């Protein structure tokens, strides 16, 4: 078998990867540069989510999975086990430093898994859960939805995108963490992810994101797929497929790991089907 050579650049004791005390390598950078990427696909299908708890405004991240349906974390929609939804969700795709290049979109309704809503879900302290996933149907404007202009991502669940034996995958995470650029610019993180058997099958990645990134998409094969020339297709090679959303991180900022409830037929599959059955025009 013939191999081709690759060169890794190393300067002194430094190599091109970051990690925390978890020793899981990652790269966290601005997705939004001097030439804004927030208005380019696939970045623009992600956005910032604002909502109300009482009279206070909070922020999360979210992304389009249908032209009028977004996916986010359940804890951005309702408090675990309290059987009460938050209110006033507003989604801004491609948000950038206060601007809304594709408009601000209000929510029509939100869906979470019943076990999360009533507190019977498998959870550790109500934070690391099996089903911290929600979908929100947006209100249309003149019979159009944001996805008509931004496009949207695909999604899949189960073992899609994971290696069969060790359950590893490569993930691009998008979000608006308040600890990076004050949450005003879109951020991108790339890391390998693994399933944690001790954390209800949650996916874990290395990341320097934090609060505000919750609900942001975890994407396999992010970007535009190249035209193959003398090369075969990869297994599970479909572009821009979400397999989870940011659910939690460690209070110790030195660890630099985050987790995501795994997409399954019982959470994302059920939620999207319920939303699309009730609001087919949004799908």
Foldseek 3Di string as FASTA:
>chain_A
DDDDDDDFDDDDPDGPWDAFPLPFTKDKDFCQDPPGCLQPPPQQQKWKKWFDDPNDIFIAIWGDAFLFKIKFFQVQFDQFQPLDGTGFIKTAGSFAQNDRPQDIWTFPDKDFFPCRNRRNFDADVSFLTQTRMMMTGTDDDPLGGSCVRNPGFHADFDLQQADDPQGKHKWKWWWQACVPPNSRGIMIMIGMWHFDPVRNRKIKTFALGAGNHGTTFIWHAEDDDDDDDPDDADRSNDYRYTFFGWGDDDPPSRRRMTITNGDDCSTPVVNVVVVCVVPVSRD
